[in-house]
Amino acid sequence: MKDMPLKGIGKIGLFFLVAIIIAFILLKNLEKPFDSQKWRSEPLQRYEMVNDLIESQILKDKSKTIVVQTLGNPDSKSTTEQEVFIYDIGDPPSFFSSQKEYLLIVFKNQHVEQVTLAIE
């Protein structure tokens, strides 16, 4: 009889482990390869391609002109010490409330120096 509560805890733990694995698989399947046309035409779905865009480094050392040809005009810009293009990537589905993310493209000498995500 003493083992009963432990069996219940084990089942609950197993349930949550399976739920986390399923959630991870589903979220991983949301990622898609970067597609320039889709990026420009479906701005609310950019979150699906943003990781591939960053990891592939296809924008590294590209000029501003090439970036705009590839991604379209930025949603906003920032100029402090360096010029930064900011792109909204949409809101990925989430089980928890997520913070807003943006793609940041940092330029140095008119060419891409860094491509990264920023959280609002």
C-alpha atoms as a PDB file:
ATOM      1  CA  MET A   1       0.000   0.000   0.000  1.00  0.00           C
ATOM      2  CA  LYS A   2       2.908   2.343   0.614  1.00  0.00           C
ATOM      3  CA  ASP A   3       3.937   2.007  -3.039  1.00  0.00           C
ATOM      4  CA  MET A   4       0.649   3.379  -4.383  1.00  0.00           C
ATOM      5  CA  PRO A   5       1.543   7.101  -4.163  1.00  0.00           C
ATOM      6  CA  LEU A   6       4.900   6.480  -5.857  1.00  0.00           C
ATOM      7  CA  LYS A   7       3.242   4.685  -8.751  1.00  0.00           C
ATOM      8  CA  GLY A   8       0.917   7.652  -9.242  1.00  0.00           C
ATOM      9  CA  ILE A   9       3.834  10.085  -9.173  1.00  0.00           C
ATOM     10  CA  GLY A  10       5.695   7.920 -11.690  1.00  0.00           C
ATOM     11  CA  LYS A  11       2.727   7.953 -14.072  1.00  0.00           C
ATOM     12  CA  ILE A  12       2.375  11.727 -13.764  1.00  0.00           C
ATOM     13  CA  GLY A  13       6.094  12.197 -14.375  1.00  0.00           C
ATOM     14  CA  LEU A  14       5.955   9.918 -17.414  1.00  0.00           C
ATOM     15  CA  PHE A  15       2.938  11.825 -18.749  1.00  0.00           C
ATOM     16  CA  PHE A  16       4.766  15.163 -18.480  1.00  0.00           C
ATOM     17  CA  LEU A  17       7.919  13.723 -20.056  1.00  0.00           C
ATOM     18  CA  VAL A  18       5.926  12.417 -23.028  1.00  0.00           C
ATOM     19  CA  ALA A  19       4.085  15.758 -23.319  1.00  0.00           C
ATOM     20  CA  ILE A  20       7.393  17.670 -23.374  1.00  0.00           C
ATOM     21  CA  ILE A  21       8.847  15.366 -26.024  1.00  0.00           C
ATOM     22  CA  ILE A  22       5.750  15.715 -28.209  1.00  0.00           C
ATOM     23  CA  ALA A  23       5.782  19.511 -27.813  1.00  0.00           C
ATOM     24  CA  PHE A  24       9.470  19.639 -28.766  1.00  0.00           C
ATOM     25  CA  ILE A  25       8.861  17.512 -31.872  1.00  0.00           C
ATOM     26  CA  LEU A  26       5.895  19.640 -32.939  1.00  0.00           C
ATOM     27  CA  LEU A  27       7.784  22.902 -32.455  1.00  0.00           C
ATOM     28  CA  LYS A  28      10.840  21.541 -34.268  1.00  0.00           C
ATOM     29  CA  ASN A  29       8.640  20.583 -37.226  1.00  0.00           C
ATOM     30  CA  LEU A  30       7.514  24.211 -37.496  1.00  0.00           C
ATOM     31  CA  GLU A  31      10.990  25.204 -38.682  1.00  0.00           C
ATOM     32  CA  LYS A  32      11.352  25.482 -42.448  1.00  0.00           C
ATOM     33  CA  PRO A  33      14.211  26.336 -44.789  1.00  0.00           C
ATOM     34  CA  PHE A  34      14.633  30.004 -45.610  1.00  0.00           C
ATOM     35  CA  ASP A  35      12.721  31.124 -48.710  1.00  0.00           C
ATOM     36  CA  SER A  36      13.165  34.751 -49.777  1.00  0.00           C
ATOM     37  CA  GLN A  37       9.815  34.952 -51.575  1.00  0.00           C
ATOM     38  CA  LYS A  38       7.932  33.468 -48.621  1.00  0.00           C
ATOM     39  CA  TRP A  39       9.782  35.768 -46.181  1.00  0.00           C
ATOM     40  CA  ARG A  40       8.541  38.840 -48.062  1.00  0.00           C
ATOM     41  CA  SER A  41       5.015  37.608 -48.787  1.00  0.00           C
ATOM     42  CA  GLU A  42       4.205  35.984 -45.409  1.00  0.00           C
ATOM     43  CA  PRO A  43       5.690  38.210 -42.674  1.00  0.00           C
ATOM     44  CA  LEU A  44       3.658  36.571 -39.909  1.00  0.00           C
ATOM     45  CA  GLN A  45       5.241  33.189 -40.732  1.00  0.00           C
ATOM     46  CA  ARG A  46       8.881  34.349 -40.683  1.00  0.00           C
ATOM     47  CA  TYR A  47       9.480  32.589 -37.367  1.00  0.00           C
ATOM     48  CA  GLU A  48       9.397  29.317 -39.340  1.00  0.00           C
ATOM     49  CA  MET A  49      12.467  30.322 -41.386  1.00  0.00           C
ATOM     50  CA  VAL A  50      14.431  32.602 -39.070  1.00  0.00           C
ATOM     51  CA  ASN A  51      16.653  29.903 -37.560  1.00  0.00           C
ATOM     52  CA  ASP A  52      17.697  28.641 -40.992  1.00  0.00           C
ATOM     53  CA  LEU A  53      18.361  32.216 -42.120  1.00  0.00           C
ATOM     54  CA  ILE A  54      20.650  32.818 -39.139  1.00  0.00           C
ATOM     55  CA  GLU A  55      22.399  29.445 -39.130  1.00  0.00           C
ATOM     56  CA  SER A  56      23.061  29.395 -42.889  1.00  0.00           C
ATOM     57  CA  GLN A  57      24.802  32.793 -42.674  1.00  0.00           C
ATOM     58  CA  ILE A  58      23.593  33.645 -46.183  1.00  0.00           C
ATOM     59  CA  LEU A  59      23.545  37.347 -45.317  1.00  0.00           C
ATOM     60  CA  LYS A  60      27.060  37.489 -43.849  1.00  0.00           C
ATOM     61  CA  ASP A  61      29.101  40.296 -45.485  1.00  0.00           C
ATOM     62  CA  LYS A  62      26.251  41.195 -47.872  1.00  0.00           C
ATOM     63  CA  SER A  63      25.488  44.827 -48.702  1.00  0.00           C
ATOM     64  CA  LYS A  64      22.347  46.640 -47.570  1.00  0.00           C
ATOM     65  CA  THR A  65      21.060  46.476 -51.131  1.00  0.00           C
ATOM     66  CA  ILE A  66      21.356  42.681 -51.210  1.00  0.00           C
ATOM     67  CA  VAL A  67      19.677  42.402 -47.787  1.00  0.00           C
ATOM     68  CA  VAL A  68      16.721  44.485 -48.981  1.00  0.00           C
ATOM     69  CA  GLN A  69      16.519  42.438 -52.199  1.00  0.00           C
ATOM     70  CA  THR A  70      16.530  39.236 -50.143  1.00  0.00           C
ATOM     71  CA  LEU A  71      14.302  40.209 -47.194  1.00  0.00           C
ATOM     72  CA  GLY A  72      12.447  43.292 -48.357  1.00  0.00           C
ATOM     73  CA  ASN A  73      12.506  46.609 -46.544  1.00  0.00           C
ATOM     74  CA  PRO A  74      13.029  46.353 -42.784  1.00  0.00           C
ATOM     75  CA  ASP A  75      10.093  46.944 -40.479  1.00  0.00           C
ATOM     76  CA  SER A  76      12.244  49.515 -38.700  1.00  0.00           C
ATOM     77  CA  LYS A  77      15.821  50.738 -38.446  1.00  0.00           C
ATOM     78  CA  SER A  78      18.058  51.844 -35.654  1.00  0.00           C
ATOM     79  CA  THR A  79      21.147  53.952 -35.997  1.00  0.00           C
ATOM     80  CA  THR A  80      23.328  54.457 -32.994  1.00  0.00           C
ATOM     81  CA  GLU A  81      26.959  53.495 -33.430  1.00  0.00           C
ATOM     82  CA  GLN A  82      25.959  50.989 -36.129  1.00  0.00           C
ATOM     83  CA  GLU A  83      23.017  50.783 -38.465  1.00  0.00           C
ATOM     84  CA  VAL A  84      20.596  47.967 -37.646  1.00  0.00           C
ATOM     85  CA  PHE A  85      17.712  46.635 -39.746  1.00  0.00           C
ATOM     86  CA  ILE A  86      14.873  45.169 -37.662  1.00  0.00           C
ATOM     87  CA  TYR A  87      12.415  42.600 -39.021  1.00  0.00           C
ATOM     88  CA  ASP A  88       9.306  41.345 -37.234  1.00  0.00           C
ATOM     89  CA  ILE A  89       9.214  37.542 -37.431  1.00  0.00           C
ATOM     90  CA  GLY A  90       5.611  36.951 -36.342  1.00  0.00           C
ATOM     91  CA  ASP A  91       4.473  35.020 -33.282  1.00  0.00           C
ATOM     92  CA  PRO A  92       5.237  31.308 -33.201  1.00  0.00           C
ATOM     93  CA  PRO A  93       2.638  29.049 -31.601  1.00  0.00           C
ATOM     94  CA  SER A  94       3.476  28.567 -27.947  1.00  0.00           C
ATOM     95  CA  PHE A  95       2.150  26.661 -24.972  1.00  0.00           C
ATOM     96  CA  PHE A  96       3.288  29.519 -22.777  1.00  0.00           C
ATOM     97  CA  SER A  97       3.105  33.263 -23.305  1.00  0.00           C
ATOM     98  CA  SER A  98       6.175  34.126 -25.317  1.00  0.00           C
ATOM     99  CA  GLN A  99       8.020  37.389 -25.655  1.00  0.00           C
ATOM    100  CA  LYS A 100       8.088  39.191 -28.973  1.00  0.00           C
ATOM    101  CA  GLU A 101      11.157  38.370 -31.088  1.00  0.00           C
ATOM    102  CA  TYR A 102      12.771  40.294 -33.911  1.00  0.00           C
ATOM    103  CA  LEU A 103      15.496  39.595 -36.435  1.00  0.00           C
ATOM    104  CA  LEU A 104      18.318  42.121 -36.133  1.00  0.00           C
ATOM    105  CA  ILE A 105      20.811  42.694 -38.923  1.00  0.00           C
ATOM    106  CA  VAL A 106      23.799  44.763 -37.840  1.00  0.00           C
ATOM    107  CA  PHE A 107      25.861  46.559 -40.473  1.00  0.00           C
ATOM    108  CA  LYS A 108      29.463  47.679 -40.355  1.00  0.00           C
ATOM    109  CA  ASN A 109      30.927  49.615 -43.274  1.00  0.00           C
ATOM    110  CA  GLN A 110      27.669  49.108 -45.206  1.00  0.00           C
ATOM    111  CA  HIS A 111      27.896  45.288 -44.997  1.00  0.00           C
ATOM    112  CA  VAL A 112      26.261  42.726 -42.712  1.00  0.00           C
ATOM    113  CA  GLU A 113      28.367  42.076 -39.656  1.00  0.00           C
ATOM    114  CA  GLN A 114      25.861  40.143 -37.512  1.00  0.00           C
ATOM    115  CA  VAL A 115      22.454  38.483 -37.862  1.00  0.00           C
ATOM    116  CA  THR A 116      20.712  37.620 -34.608  1.00  0.00           C
ATOM    117  CA  LEU A 117      17.406  37.385 -32.756  1.00  0.00           C
ATOM    118  CA  ALA A 118      16.413  39.925 -30.149  1.00  0.00           C
ATOM    119  CA  ILE A 119      13.669  39.636 -27.548  1.00  0.00           C
ATOM    120  CA  GLU A 120      11.522  42.656 -26.765  1.00  0.00           C
END
